[in-house]
Amino acid sequence: MSKAEYTEEQLSEMREDAFVNIKEACMRLQERTKCDNDVVIKMLNEVSQFYISQVEKKI
């Protein structure tokens, strides 16, 4: 993936969109599975660690 330059306004909009989409996905997961917030937090931490490891591989 190429590295692009974004304005602060573009980054803010992307963060807001991502937050809404991720929150909705988590809510759907909880509705389907009836899992606790702890499960969602663990899942989100694992996803963030995946992306952190991808960045570290490039360094």
PDB file of N, CA and C in Angstrom:
ATOM      1  N   MET A   1       0.854  -1.173   0.000  1.00  0.00           N
ATOM      2  CA  MET A   1       0.000   0.000   0.000  1.00  0.00           C
ATOM      3  C   MET A   1       0.896   1.231   0.000  1.00  0.00           C
ATOM      4  N   SER A   2       0.607   2.185  -0.864  1.00  0.00           N
ATOM      5  CA  SER A   2       1.437   3.381  -0.941  1.00  0.00           C
ATOM      6  C   SER A   2       1.103   4.332   0.198  1.00  0.00           C
ATOM      7  N   LYS A   3       2.123   5.074   0.600  1.00  0.00           N
ATOM      8  CA  LYS A   3       1.937   6.033   1.684  1.00  0.00           C
ATOM      9  C   LYS A   3       1.425   7.337   1.096  1.00  0.00           C
ATOM     10  N   ALA A   4       0.266   7.765   1.564  1.00  0.00           N
ATOM     11  CA  ALA A   4      -0.346   8.986   1.037  1.00  0.00           C
ATOM     12  C   ALA A   4      -0.288  10.077   2.095  1.00  0.00           C
ATOM     13  N   GLU A   5      -0.315  11.293   1.637  1.00  0.00           N
ATOM     14  CA  GLU A   5      -0.368  12.443   2.524  1.00  0.00           C
ATOM     15  C   GLU A   5      -1.827  12.876   2.658  1.00  0.00           C
ATOM     16  N   TYR A   6      -2.265  13.066   3.873  1.00  0.00           N
ATOM     17  CA  TYR A   6      -3.638  13.481   4.130  1.00  0.00           C
ATOM     18  C   TYR A   6      -3.641  14.756   4.962  1.00  0.00           C
ATOM     19  N   THR A   7      -4.645  15.581   4.741  1.00  0.00           N
ATOM     20  CA  THR A   7      -4.801  16.767   5.575  1.00  0.00           C
ATOM     21  C   THR A   7      -5.370  16.330   6.919  1.00  0.00           C
ATOM     22  N   GLU A   8      -5.261  17.197   7.893  1.00  0.00           N
ATOM     23  CA  GLU A   8      -5.819  16.880   9.214  1.00  0.00           C
ATOM     24  C   GLU A   8      -7.329  16.677   9.122  1.00  0.00           C
ATOM     25  N   GLU A   9      -7.983  17.444   8.262  1.00  0.00           N
ATOM     26  CA  GLU A   9      -9.426  17.293   8.072  1.00  0.00           C
ATOM     27  C   GLU A   9      -9.760  15.918   7.491  1.00  0.00           C
ATOM     28  N   GLN A  10      -8.973  15.471   6.511  1.00  0.00           N
ATOM     29  CA  GLN A  10      -9.199  14.143   5.925  1.00  0.00           C
ATOM     30  C   GLN A  10      -8.963  13.043   6.962  1.00  0.00           C
ATOM     31  N   LEU A  11      -7.892  13.180   7.735  1.00  0.00           N
ATOM     32  CA  LEU A  11      -7.601  12.199   8.775  1.00  0.00           C
ATOM     33  C   LEU A  11      -8.709  12.155   9.817  1.00  0.00           C
ATOM     34  N   SER A  12      -9.210  13.312  10.196  1.00  0.00           N
ATOM     35  CA  SER A  12     -10.281  13.384  11.175  1.00  0.00           C
ATOM     36  C   SER A  12     -11.531  12.678  10.662  1.00  0.00           C
ATOM     37  N   GLU A  13     -11.854  12.900   9.397  1.00  0.00           N
ATOM     38  CA  GLU A  13     -13.021  12.257   8.799  1.00  0.00           C
ATOM     39  C   GLU A  13     -12.833  10.740   8.724  1.00  0.00           C
ATOM     40  N   MET A  14     -11.626  10.305   8.371  1.00  0.00           N
ATOM     41  CA  MET A  14     -11.348   8.862   8.309  1.00  0.00           C
ATOM     42  C   MET A  14     -11.458   8.227   9.689  1.00  0.00           C
ATOM     43  N   ARG A  15     -10.934   8.913  10.716  1.00  0.00           N
ATOM     44  CA  ARG A  15     -11.013   8.378  12.078  1.00  0.00           C
ATOM     45  C   ARG A  15     -12.449   8.268  12.531  1.00  0.00           C
ATOM     46  N   GLU A  16     -13.240   9.296  12.232  1.00  0.00           N
ATOM     47  CA  GLU A  16     -14.654   9.281  12.617  1.00  0.00           C
ATOM     48  C   GLU A  16     -15.390   8.147  11.907  1.00  0.00           C
ATOM     49  N   ASP A  17     -15.162   7.992  10.609  1.00  0.00           N
ATOM     50  CA  ASP A  17     -15.801   6.903   9.859  1.00  0.00           C
ATOM     51  C   ASP A  17     -15.393   5.546  10.410  1.00  0.00           C
ATOM     52  N   ALA A  18     -14.104   5.391  10.684  1.00  0.00           N
ATOM     53  CA  ALA A  18     -13.603   4.118  11.208  1.00  0.00           C
ATOM     54  C   ALA A  18     -14.234   3.824  12.567  1.00  0.00           C
ATOM     55  N   PHE A  19     -14.301   4.826  13.429  1.00  0.00           N
ATOM     56  CA  PHE A  19     -14.882   4.622  14.755  1.00  0.00           C
ATOM     57  C   PHE A  19     -16.322   4.140  14.644  1.00  0.00           C
ATOM     58  N   VAL A  20     -17.108   4.814  13.806  1.00  0.00           N
ATOM     59  CA  VAL A  20     -18.516   4.449  13.644  1.00  0.00           C
ATOM     60  C   VAL A  20     -18.635   3.026  13.109  1.00  0.00           C
ATOM     61  N   ASN A  21     -17.856   2.699  12.085  1.00  0.00           N
ATOM     62  CA  ASN A  21     -17.925   1.357  11.500  1.00  0.00           C
ATOM     63  C   ASN A  21     -17.499   0.276  12.479  1.00  0.00           C
ATOM     64  N   ILE A  22     -16.424   0.515  13.208  1.00  0.00           N
ATOM     65  CA  ILE A  22     -15.940  -0.467  14.179  1.00  0.00           C
ATOM     66  C   ILE A  22     -16.945  -0.622  15.320  1.00  0.00           C
ATOM     67  N   LYS A  23     -17.488   0.481  15.797  1.00  0.00           N
ATOM     68  CA  LYS A  23     -18.476   0.420  16.873  1.00  0.00           C
ATOM     69  C   LYS A  23     -19.698  -0.382  16.438  1.00  0.00           C
ATOM     70  N   GLU A  24     -20.178  -0.130  15.215  1.00  0.00           N
ATOM     71  CA  GLU A  24     -21.340  -0.874  14.713  1.00  0.00           C
ATOM     72  C   GLU A  24     -21.025  -2.360  14.581  1.00  0.00           C
ATOM     73  N   ALA A  25     -19.824  -2.690  14.115  1.00  0.00           N
ATOM     74  CA  ALA A  25     -19.436  -4.099  13.998  1.00  0.00           C
ATOM     75  C   ALA A  25     -19.389  -4.762  15.366  1.00  0.00           C
ATOM     76  N   CYS A  26     -18.870  -4.059  16.345  1.00  0.00           N
ATOM     77  CA  CYS A  26     -18.812  -4.606  17.708  1.00  0.00           C
ATOM     78  C   CYS A  26     -20.213  -4.805  18.279  1.00  0.00           C
ATOM     79  N   MET A  27     -21.089  -3.866  18.022  1.00  0.00           N
ATOM     80  CA  MET A  27     -22.460  -3.982  18.510  1.00  0.00           C
ATOM     81  C   MET A  27     -23.164  -5.173  17.856  1.00  0.00           C
ATOM     82  N   ARG A  28     -22.953  -5.369  16.553  1.00  0.00           N
ATOM     83  CA  ARG A  28     -23.548  -6.528  15.863  1.00  0.00           C
ATOM     84  C   ARG A  28     -23.004  -7.826  16.443  1.00  0.00           C
ATOM     85  N   LEU A  29     -21.697  -7.868  16.696  1.00  0.00           N
ATOM     86  CA  LEU A  29     -21.078  -9.042  17.301  1.00  0.00           C
ATOM     87  C   LEU A  29     -21.727  -9.349  18.650  1.00  0.00           C
ATOM     88  N   GLN A  30     -21.902  -8.321  19.465  1.00  0.00           N
ATOM     89  CA  GLN A  30     -22.499  -8.524  20.779  1.00  0.00           C
ATOM     90  C   GLN A  30     -23.962  -8.951  20.681  1.00  0.00           C
ATOM     91  N   GLU A  31     -24.681  -8.415  19.713  1.00  0.00           N
ATOM     92  CA  GLU A  31     -26.069  -8.824  19.531  1.00  0.00           C
ATOM     93  C   GLU A  31     -26.158 -10.294  19.139  1.00  0.00           C
ATOM     94  N   ARG A  32     -25.272 -10.733  18.253  1.00  0.00           N
ATOM     95  CA  ARG A  32     -25.302 -12.125  17.779  1.00  0.00           C
ATOM     96  C   ARG A  32     -24.805 -13.101  18.820  1.00  0.00           C
ATOM     97  N   THR A  33     -23.753 -12.732  19.543  1.00  0.00           N
ATOM     98  CA  THR A  33     -23.098 -13.688  20.444  1.00  0.00           C
ATOM     99  C   THR A  33     -23.436 -13.487  21.914  1.00  0.00           C
ATOM    100  N   LYS A  34     -24.004 -12.338  22.231  1.00  0.00           N
ATOM    101  CA  LYS A  34     -24.296 -11.981  23.635  1.00  0.00           C
ATOM    102  C   LYS A  34     -23.029 -11.937  24.484  1.00  0.00           C
ATOM    103  N   CYS A  35     -21.877 -11.640  23.849  1.00  0.00           N
ATOM    104  CA  CYS A  35     -20.617 -11.592  24.581  1.00  0.00           C
ATOM    105  C   CYS A  35     -20.500 -10.296  25.392  1.00  0.00           C
ATOM    106  N   ASP A  36     -19.672 -10.356  26.420  1.00  0.00           N
ATOM    107  CA  ASP A  36     -19.424  -9.200  27.277  1.00  0.00           C
ATOM    108  C   ASP A  36     -18.484  -8.210  26.596  1.00  0.00           C
ATOM    109  N   ASN A  37     -18.424  -7.018  27.166  1.00  0.00           N
ATOM    110  CA  ASN A  37     -17.502  -6.000  26.666  1.00  0.00           C
ATOM    111  C   ASN A  37     -16.052  -6.479  26.718  1.00  0.00           C
ATOM    112  N   ASP A  38     -15.730  -7.306  27.726  1.00  0.00           N
ATOM    113  CA  ASP A  38     -14.358  -7.814  27.849  1.00  0.00           C
ATOM    114  C   ASP A  38     -13.927  -8.584  26.602  1.00  0.00           C
ATOM    115  N   VAL A  39     -14.851  -9.339  26.006  1.00  0.00           N
ATOM    116  CA  VAL A  39     -14.539 -10.091  24.796  1.00  0.00           C
ATOM    117  C   VAL A  39     -14.267  -9.129  23.641  1.00  0.00           C
ATOM    118  N   VAL A  40     -15.075  -8.100  23.529  1.00  0.00           N
ATOM    119  CA  VAL A  40     -14.896  -7.113  22.465  1.00  0.00           C
ATOM    120  C   VAL A  40     -13.562  -6.393  22.649  1.00  0.00           C
ATOM    121  N   ILE A  41     -13.244  -6.025  23.867  1.00  0.00           N
ATOM    122  CA  ILE A  41     -11.975  -5.343  24.141  1.00  0.00           C
ATOM    123  C   ILE A  41     -10.802  -6.234  23.768  1.00  0.00           C
ATOM    124  N   LYS A  42     -10.863  -7.510  24.130  1.00  0.00           N
ATOM    125  CA  LYS A  42      -9.787  -8.441  23.791  1.00  0.00           C
ATOM    126  C   LYS A  42      -9.646  -8.547  22.268  1.00  0.00           C
ATOM    127  N   MET A  43     -10.762  -8.657  21.565  1.00  0.00           N
ATOM    128  CA  MET A  43     -10.739  -8.754  20.112  1.00  0.00           C
ATOM    129  C   MET A  43     -10.115  -7.500  19.499  1.00  0.00           C
ATOM    130  N   LEU A  44     -10.521  -6.325  19.963  1.00  0.00           N
ATOM    131  CA  LEU A  44      -9.982  -5.077  19.427  1.00  0.00           C
ATOM    132  C   LEU A  44      -8.487  -4.957  19.701  1.00  0.00           C
ATOM    133  N   ASN A  45      -8.056  -5.400  20.872  1.00  0.00           N
ATOM    134  CA  ASN A  45      -6.626  -5.384  21.184  1.00  0.00           C
ATOM    135  C   ASN A  45      -5.858  -6.304  20.253  1.00  0.00           C
ATOM    136  N   GLU A  46      -6.427  -7.470  19.953  1.00  0.00           N
ATOM    137  CA  GLU A  46      -5.766  -8.400  19.038  1.00  0.00           C
ATOM    138  C   GLU A  46      -5.683  -7.817  17.627  1.00  0.00           C
ATOM    139  N   VAL A  47      -6.733  -7.147  17.196  1.00  0.00           N
ATOM    140  CA  VAL A  47      -6.721  -6.516  15.876  1.00  0.00           C
ATOM    141  C   VAL A  47      -5.666  -5.411  15.837  1.00  0.00           C
ATOM    142  N   SER A  48      -5.620  -4.596  16.877  1.00  0.00           N
ATOM    143  CA  SER A  48      -4.622  -3.520  16.884  1.00  0.00           C
ATOM    144  C   SER A  48      -3.207  -4.086  16.917  1.00  0.00           C
ATOM    145  N   GLN A  49      -2.994  -5.189  17.643  1.00  0.00           N
ATOM    146  CA  GLN A  49      -1.670  -5.814  17.674  1.00  0.00           C
ATOM    147  C   GLN A  49      -1.280  -6.358  16.304  1.00  0.00           C
ATOM    148  N   PHE A  50      -2.261  -6.867  15.558  1.00  0.00           N
ATOM    149  CA  PHE A  50      -1.997  -7.326  14.200  1.00  0.00           C
ATOM    150  C   PHE A  50      -1.451  -6.179  13.359  1.00  0.00           C
ATOM    151  N   TYR A  51      -2.098  -5.027  13.414  1.00  0.00           N
ATOM    152  CA  TYR A  51      -1.656  -3.894  12.603  1.00  0.00           C
ATOM    153  C   TYR A  51      -0.324  -3.336  13.094  1.00  0.00           C
ATOM    154  N   ILE A  52      -0.105  -3.357  14.386  1.00  0.00           N
ATOM    155  CA  ILE A  52       1.189  -2.928  14.921  1.00  0.00           C
ATOM    156  C   ILE A  52       2.291  -3.843  14.400  1.00  0.00           C
ATOM    157  N   SER A  53       2.033  -5.140  14.385  1.00  0.00           N
ATOM    158  CA  SER A  53       3.057  -6.092  13.911  1.00  0.00           C
ATOM    159  C   SER A  53       3.313  -5.898  12.409  1.00  0.00           C
ATOM    160  N   GLN A  54       2.301  -5.523  11.647  1.00  0.00           N
ATOM    161  CA  GLN A  54       2.495  -5.264  10.218  1.00  0.00           C
ATOM    162  C   GLN A  54       3.416  -4.057  10.012  1.00  0.00           C
ATOM    163  N   VAL A  55       3.240  -3.035  10.821  1.00  0.00           N
ATOM    164  CA  VAL A  55       4.104  -1.851  10.730  1.00  0.00           C
ATOM    165  C   VAL A  55       5.527  -2.213  11.132  1.00  0.00           C
ATOM    166  N   GLU A  56       5.665  -3.006  12.195  1.00  0.00           N
ATOM    167  CA  GLU A  56       6.995  -3.379  12.673  1.00  0.00           C
ATOM    168  C   GLU A  56       7.739  -4.230  11.661  1.00  0.00           C
ATOM    169  N   LYS A  57       7.027  -5.036  10.881  1.00  0.00           N
ATOM    170  CA  LYS A  57       7.665  -5.873   9.847  1.00  0.00           C
ATOM    171  C   LYS A  57       8.273  -5.009   8.752  1.00  0.00           C
ATOM    172  N   LYS A  58       7.703  -3.831   8.509  1.00  0.00           N
ATOM    173  CA  LYS A  58       8.185  -2.950   7.455  1.00  0.00           C
ATOM    174  C   LYS A  58       9.417  -2.152   7.869  1.00  0.00           C
ATOM    175  N   ILE A  59       9.659  -2.086   9.173  1.00  0.00           N
ATOM    176  CA  ILE A  59      10.776  -1.272   9.682  1.00  0.00           C
ATOM    177  C   ILE A  59      12.088  -2.002   9.539  1.00  0.00           C
TER     178      ILE A  59
END
